[in-house]
């Protein structure tokens, strides 16, 4: 009899999905609008240290919805593969420029 052992190793994701609705200060959706989005992974709490940050250019739907793949944007700081998911809590910080540029507003 041959005994086989299969080892499974957990791996950090190379990318993961994120979906949101972009709204203005009057709670109206940004319809069919080009937006600049900055995503940051913040370690330890909402006011913690940024471990990774990237930029996306998106176009919203008629309802203001946009979808991105975190890990597929233009990296601004750090590397997603170096985020130590198992040893701390991470929060997603979203910043947006409604003009499609880099003059971000914390959302």
N, C-alpha and C. Protein backbone atom coordinates (compact mmCIF):
# COMPACT_ATOMS: atom_id res chain seq x y z
N UNK A 1 0.84 -1.17 0.00
CA UNK A 1 0.00 0.00 0.00
C UNK A 1 0.89 1.24 0.00
N UNK A 2 0.55 2.17 -0.83
CA UNK A 2 1.31 3.41 -0.91
C UNK A 2 0.49 4.50 -0.25
N UNK A 3 1.14 5.20 0.65
CA UNK A 3 0.47 6.29 1.38
C UNK A 3 0.93 7.61 0.79
N UNK A 4 -0.01 8.39 0.35
CA UNK A 4 0.30 9.70 -0.23
C UNK A 4 -0.19 10.79 0.70
N UNK A 5 0.59 11.80 0.80
CA UNK A 5 0.22 12.97 1.57
C UNK A 5 0.22 14.17 0.64
N UNK A 6 -0.89 14.87 0.64
CA UNK A 6 -1.00 16.08 -0.16
C UNK A 6 -0.97 17.26 0.78
N UNK A 7 -0.05 18.13 0.55
CA UNK A 7 0.06 19.34 1.36
C UNK A 7 -0.56 20.51 0.62
N UNK A 8 -1.36 21.24 1.33
CA UNK A 8 -1.96 22.45 0.77
C UNK A 8 -1.36 23.65 1.47
N UNK A 9 -0.98 24.61 0.72
CA UNK A 9 -0.41 25.82 1.27
C UNK A 9 -1.28 27.00 0.90
N UNK A 10 -1.62 27.81 1.88
CA UNK A 10 -2.40 29.01 1.63
C UNK A 10 -1.50 30.05 0.97
N UNK A 11 -2.05 30.72 0.01
CA UNK A 11 -1.30 31.76 -0.68
C UNK A 11 -2.10 33.05 -0.66
N UNK A 12 -1.39 34.13 -0.54
CA UNK A 12 -2.04 35.44 -0.62
C UNK A 12 -2.54 35.65 -2.05
N UNK A 13 -3.68 36.31 -2.21
CA UNK A 13 -4.21 36.52 -3.56
C UNK A 13 -3.36 37.51 -4.34
N UNK A 14 -3.26 37.28 -5.65
CA UNK A 14 -2.56 38.22 -6.52
C UNK A 14 -3.46 39.41 -6.81
N UNK A 15 -4.76 39.17 -6.80
CA UNK A 15 -5.77 40.20 -7.02
C UNK A 15 -7.04 39.78 -6.31
N UNK A 16 -7.86 40.77 -5.98
CA UNK A 16 -9.21 40.44 -5.50
C UNK A 16 -10.17 41.53 -5.94
N UNK A 17 -11.44 41.17 -6.05
CA UNK A 17 -12.46 42.06 -6.59
C UNK A 17 -12.93 43.07 -5.55
N UNK A 18 -13.28 44.24 -6.06
CA UNK A 18 -13.87 45.29 -5.22
C UNK A 18 -14.92 45.99 -6.08
N UNK A 19 -16.09 46.21 -5.52
CA UNK A 19 -17.17 46.90 -6.22
C UNK A 19 -17.74 47.97 -5.30
N UNK A 20 -18.07 49.12 -5.86
CA UNK A 20 -18.63 50.20 -5.06
C UNK A 20 -19.54 51.06 -5.93
N UNK A 21 -20.31 51.91 -5.25
CA UNK A 21 -21.12 52.92 -5.91
C UNK A 21 -20.53 54.27 -5.55
N UNK A 22 -20.19 55.06 -6.55
CA UNK A 22 -19.62 56.39 -6.34
C UNK A 22 -20.75 57.41 -6.31
N UNK A 23 -20.81 58.17 -5.21
CA UNK A 23 -21.85 59.19 -5.04
C UNK A 23 -21.22 60.51 -4.65
N UNK A 24 -21.90 61.60 -5.00
CA UNK A 24 -21.42 62.94 -4.64
C UNK A 24 -21.92 63.30 -3.24
N UNK A 25 -21.62 64.50 -2.80
CA UNK A 25 -22.00 64.95 -1.45
C UNK A 25 -23.51 65.03 -1.26
N UNK A 26 -24.26 65.11 -2.36
CA UNK A 26 -25.73 65.14 -2.30
C UNK A 26 -26.32 63.74 -2.42
N UNK A 27 -25.48 62.72 -2.34
CA UNK A 27 -25.87 61.32 -2.41
C UNK A 27 -26.38 60.91 -3.79
N UNK A 28 -26.00 61.67 -4.82
CA UNK A 28 -26.37 61.34 -6.20
C UNK A 28 -25.23 60.54 -6.83
N UNK A 29 -25.54 59.47 -7.56
CA UNK A 29 -24.48 58.67 -8.17
C UNK A 29 -23.77 59.43 -9.29
N UNK A 30 -22.48 59.16 -9.42
CA UNK A 30 -21.73 59.65 -10.56
C UNK A 30 -22.06 58.73 -11.73
N UNK A 31 -22.95 59.17 -12.61
CA UNK A 31 -23.44 58.36 -13.72
C UNK A 31 -22.49 58.44 -14.91
N UNK A 32 -22.07 57.28 -15.42
CA UNK A 32 -21.23 57.22 -16.62
C UNK A 32 -20.09 58.22 -16.56
N UNK A 33 -19.37 58.21 -15.46
CA UNK A 33 -18.32 59.19 -15.18
C UNK A 33 -16.96 58.52 -15.07
N UNK A 34 -15.92 59.16 -15.62
CA UNK A 34 -14.55 58.69 -15.44
C UNK A 34 -14.03 59.20 -14.10
N UNK A 35 -13.58 58.28 -13.26
CA UNK A 35 -13.10 58.63 -11.92
C UNK A 35 -11.67 58.13 -11.72
N UNK A 36 -10.92 58.86 -10.92
CA UNK A 36 -9.64 58.38 -10.43
C UNK A 36 -9.88 57.78 -9.05
N UNK A 37 -9.46 56.54 -8.85
CA UNK A 37 -9.65 55.85 -7.58
C UNK A 37 -8.29 55.44 -7.04
N UNK A 38 -8.05 55.74 -5.76
CA UNK A 38 -6.85 55.25 -5.09
C UNK A 38 -7.30 54.30 -3.98
N UNK A 39 -6.77 53.10 -4.01
CA UNK A 39 -7.06 52.08 -3.01
C UNK A 39 -5.81 51.90 -2.16
N UNK A 40 -5.99 51.94 -0.85
CA UNK A 40 -4.87 51.69 0.07
C UNK A 40 -5.27 50.60 1.05
N UNK A 41 -4.35 49.70 1.33
CA UNK A 41 -4.53 48.70 2.37
C UNK A 41 -3.82 49.22 3.60
N UNK A 42 -4.60 49.46 4.65
CA UNK A 42 -4.11 50.10 5.87
C UNK A 42 -4.00 49.04 6.96
N UNK A 43 -2.82 48.94 7.55
CA UNK A 43 -2.53 47.93 8.56
C UNK A 43 -2.92 48.38 9.96
N UNK A 44 -3.63 47.51 10.68
CA UNK A 44 -3.86 47.70 12.10
C UNK A 44 -5.07 48.52 12.50
N UNK A 45 -5.74 49.16 11.59
CA UNK A 45 -6.89 49.98 11.92
C UNK A 45 -7.11 51.04 10.87
N UNK A 46 -8.23 51.71 10.95
CA UNK A 46 -8.57 52.68 9.92
C UNK A 46 -7.61 53.86 9.85
N UNK A 47 -6.90 54.13 10.93
CA UNK A 47 -5.90 55.22 10.91
C UNK A 47 -4.48 54.67 11.01
N UNK A 48 -4.30 53.41 10.60
CA UNK A 48 -3.00 52.75 10.68
C UNK A 48 -2.06 53.15 9.57
N UNK A 49 -1.09 52.30 9.35
CA UNK A 49 -0.02 52.53 8.37
C UNK A 49 -0.40 51.91 7.03
N UNK A 50 -0.21 52.66 5.95
CA UNK A 50 -0.49 52.14 4.60
C UNK A 50 0.59 51.12 4.24
N UNK A 51 0.13 49.90 3.93
CA UNK A 51 1.05 48.83 3.51
C UNK A 51 1.15 48.73 1.99
N UNK A 52 0.07 49.10 1.32
CA UNK A 52 0.02 49.00 -0.13
C UNK A 52 -0.98 50.03 -0.65
N UNK A 53 -0.66 50.62 -1.80
CA UNK A 53 -1.56 51.60 -2.41
C UNK A 53 -1.44 51.50 -3.92
N UNK A 54 -2.59 51.67 -4.61
CA UNK A 54 -2.59 51.65 -6.06
C UNK A 54 -3.66 52.57 -6.61
N UNK A 55 -3.53 52.88 -7.91
CA UNK A 55 -4.45 53.81 -8.57
C UNK A 55 -5.18 53.08 -9.69
N UNK A 56 -6.45 53.44 -9.87
CA UNK A 56 -7.27 52.92 -10.95
C UNK A 56 -7.99 54.07 -11.63
N UNK A 57 -8.17 53.95 -12.92
CA UNK A 57 -9.06 54.82 -13.68
C UNK A 57 -10.28 53.97 -14.04
N UNK A 58 -11.46 54.42 -13.65
CA UNK A 58 -12.67 53.64 -13.87
C UNK A 58 -13.73 54.50 -14.55
N UNK A 59 -14.69 53.83 -15.14
CA UNK A 59 -15.88 54.50 -15.67
C UNK A 59 -17.07 53.86 -14.98
N UNK A 60 -17.91 54.68 -14.37
CA UNK A 60 -19.06 54.17 -13.64
C UNK A 60 -20.20 53.80 -14.60
N UNK A 61 -21.12 53.02 -14.08
CA UNK A 61 -22.33 52.66 -14.84
C UNK A 61 -23.37 53.77 -14.68
N UNK A 62 -24.56 53.57 -15.22
CA UNK A 62 -25.65 54.53 -15.06
C UNK A 62 -26.06 54.69 -13.60
N UNK A 63 -25.75 53.70 -12.78
CA UNK A 63 -26.09 53.75 -11.35
C UNK A 63 -24.91 54.19 -10.49
N UNK A 64 -23.78 54.51 -11.12
CA UNK A 64 -22.60 54.94 -10.38
C UNK A 64 -21.72 53.80 -9.90
N UNK A 65 -22.00 52.59 -10.36
CA UNK A 65 -21.25 51.40 -9.93
C UNK A 65 -19.94 51.30 -10.72
N UNK A 66 -18.88 50.90 -10.00
CA UNK A 66 -17.62 50.56 -10.67
C UNK A 66 -17.04 49.31 -10.02
N UNK A 67 -16.28 48.57 -10.80
CA UNK A 67 -15.62 47.34 -10.36
C UNK A 67 -14.13 47.46 -10.64
N UNK A 68 -13.32 47.01 -9.70
CA UNK A 68 -11.88 46.97 -9.91
C UNK A 68 -11.34 45.65 -9.37
N UNK A 69 -10.13 45.34 -9.76
CA UNK A 69 -9.38 44.22 -9.21
C UNK A 69 -8.22 44.82 -8.42
N UNK A 70 -8.32 44.74 -7.10
CA UNK A 70 -7.22 45.24 -6.27
C UNK A 70 -6.04 44.32 -6.50
N UNK A 71 -4.93 44.92 -6.87
CA UNK A 71 -3.74 44.19 -7.25
C UNK A 71 -3.43 44.34 -8.72
N UNK A 72 -4.39 44.87 -9.49
CA UNK A 72 -4.21 45.05 -10.93
C UNK A 72 -4.07 46.51 -11.31
N UNK A 73 -4.09 47.41 -10.33
CA UNK A 73 -3.96 48.84 -10.62
C UNK A 73 -2.50 49.24 -10.78
N UNK A 74 -2.28 50.53 -10.93
CA UNK A 74 -0.93 51.07 -11.00
C UNK A 74 -0.43 51.25 -9.57
N UNK A 75 0.58 50.49 -9.20
CA UNK A 75 1.09 50.52 -7.82
C UNK A 75 1.68 51.89 -7.51
N UNK A 76 1.32 52.42 -6.34
CA UNK A 76 1.85 53.70 -5.87
C UNK A 76 2.81 53.51 -4.70
N UNK A 77 2.55 52.47 -3.88
CA UNK A 77 3.37 52.22 -2.70
C UNK A 77 3.29 50.75 -2.33
N UNK A 78 4.42 50.13 -2.06
CA UNK A 78 4.47 48.76 -1.59
C UNK A 78 4.13 47.75 -2.67
N UNK A 79 4.03 46.48 -2.23
CA UNK A 79 3.67 45.39 -3.12
C UNK A 79 2.59 44.55 -2.45
N UNK A 80 1.55 44.22 -3.18
CA UNK A 80 0.45 43.45 -2.62
C UNK A 80 0.93 42.10 -2.10
N UNK A 81 1.89 41.49 -2.76
CA UNK A 81 2.39 40.18 -2.34
C UNK A 81 3.14 40.24 -1.01
N UNK A 82 3.51 41.43 -0.56
CA UNK A 82 4.22 41.57 0.71
C UNK A 82 3.30 41.91 1.88
N UNK A 83 1.99 42.02 1.64
CA UNK A 83 1.05 42.28 2.72
C UNK A 83 0.94 41.00 3.56
N UNK A 84 1.17 41.10 4.85
CA UNK A 84 1.19 39.96 5.75
C UNK A 84 -0.22 39.74 6.32
N UNK A 85 -1.10 39.16 5.51
CA UNK A 85 -2.51 39.00 5.83
C UNK A 85 -2.74 38.24 7.13
N UNK A 86 -1.90 37.29 7.45
CA UNK A 86 -2.13 36.41 8.60
C UNK A 86 -1.75 36.99 9.94
N UNK A 87 -0.99 38.07 9.97
CA UNK A 87 -0.48 38.58 11.24
C UNK A 87 -1.06 39.91 11.68
N UNK A 88 -2.01 40.44 10.96
CA UNK A 88 -2.60 41.72 11.35
C UNK A 88 -3.93 41.91 10.63
N UNK A 89 -4.67 42.91 11.06
CA UNK A 89 -5.91 43.29 10.38
C UNK A 89 -5.59 44.37 9.36
N UNK A 90 -6.27 44.29 8.22
CA UNK A 90 -6.10 45.28 7.17
C UNK A 90 -7.45 45.86 6.78
N UNK A 91 -7.46 47.14 6.49
CA UNK A 91 -8.66 47.86 6.11
C UNK A 91 -8.43 48.47 4.73
N UNK A 92 -9.50 48.57 3.96
CA UNK A 92 -9.41 49.17 2.63
C UNK A 92 -9.81 50.63 2.75
N UNK A 93 -8.91 51.50 2.35
CA UNK A 93 -9.17 52.94 2.32
C UNK A 93 -9.39 53.33 0.86
N UNK A 94 -10.48 54.03 0.59
CA UNK A 94 -10.82 54.42 -0.78
C UNK A 94 -10.80 55.93 -0.89
N UNK A 95 -10.05 56.43 -1.86
CA UNK A 95 -10.00 57.85 -2.18
C UNK A 95 -10.44 58.00 -3.64
N UNK A 96 -11.11 59.10 -3.95
CA UNK A 96 -11.65 59.28 -5.29
C UNK A 96 -11.41 60.71 -5.78
N UNK A 97 -11.11 60.82 -7.06
CA UNK A 97 -11.08 62.11 -7.74
C UNK A 97 -12.20 62.09 -8.77
N UNK A 98 -13.29 62.86 -8.53
CA UNK A 98 -14.42 62.83 -9.46
C UNK A 98 -14.10 63.42 -10.83
N UNK A 99 -12.94 64.06 -10.97
CA UNK A 99 -12.53 64.60 -12.27
C UNK A 99 -11.65 63.61 -13.04
N UNK A 100 -11.37 62.44 -12.44
CA UNK A 100 -10.56 61.43 -13.12
C UNK A 100 -9.08 61.59 -12.95
N UNK A 101 -8.66 62.53 -12.12
CA UNK A 101 -7.23 62.77 -11.91
C UNK A 101 -6.70 62.18 -10.62
N UNK A 102 -5.81 62.94 -9.97
CA UNK A 102 -5.17 62.47 -8.74
C UNK A 102 -5.38 63.43 -7.56
N UNK A 103 -6.37 64.27 -7.66
CA UNK A 103 -6.72 65.18 -6.56
C UNK A 103 -7.78 64.47 -5.70
N UNK A 104 -7.33 63.50 -4.91
CA UNK A 104 -8.22 62.57 -4.23
C UNK A 104 -8.93 63.16 -3.02
N UNK A 105 -10.16 62.65 -2.82
CA UNK A 105 -10.98 62.95 -1.66
C UNK A 105 -11.19 61.63 -0.94
N UNK A 106 -10.96 61.62 0.38
CA UNK A 106 -11.18 60.40 1.18
C UNK A 106 -12.67 60.07 1.19
N UNK A 107 -12.99 58.84 0.89
CA UNK A 107 -14.39 58.42 0.85
C UNK A 107 -14.75 57.64 2.08
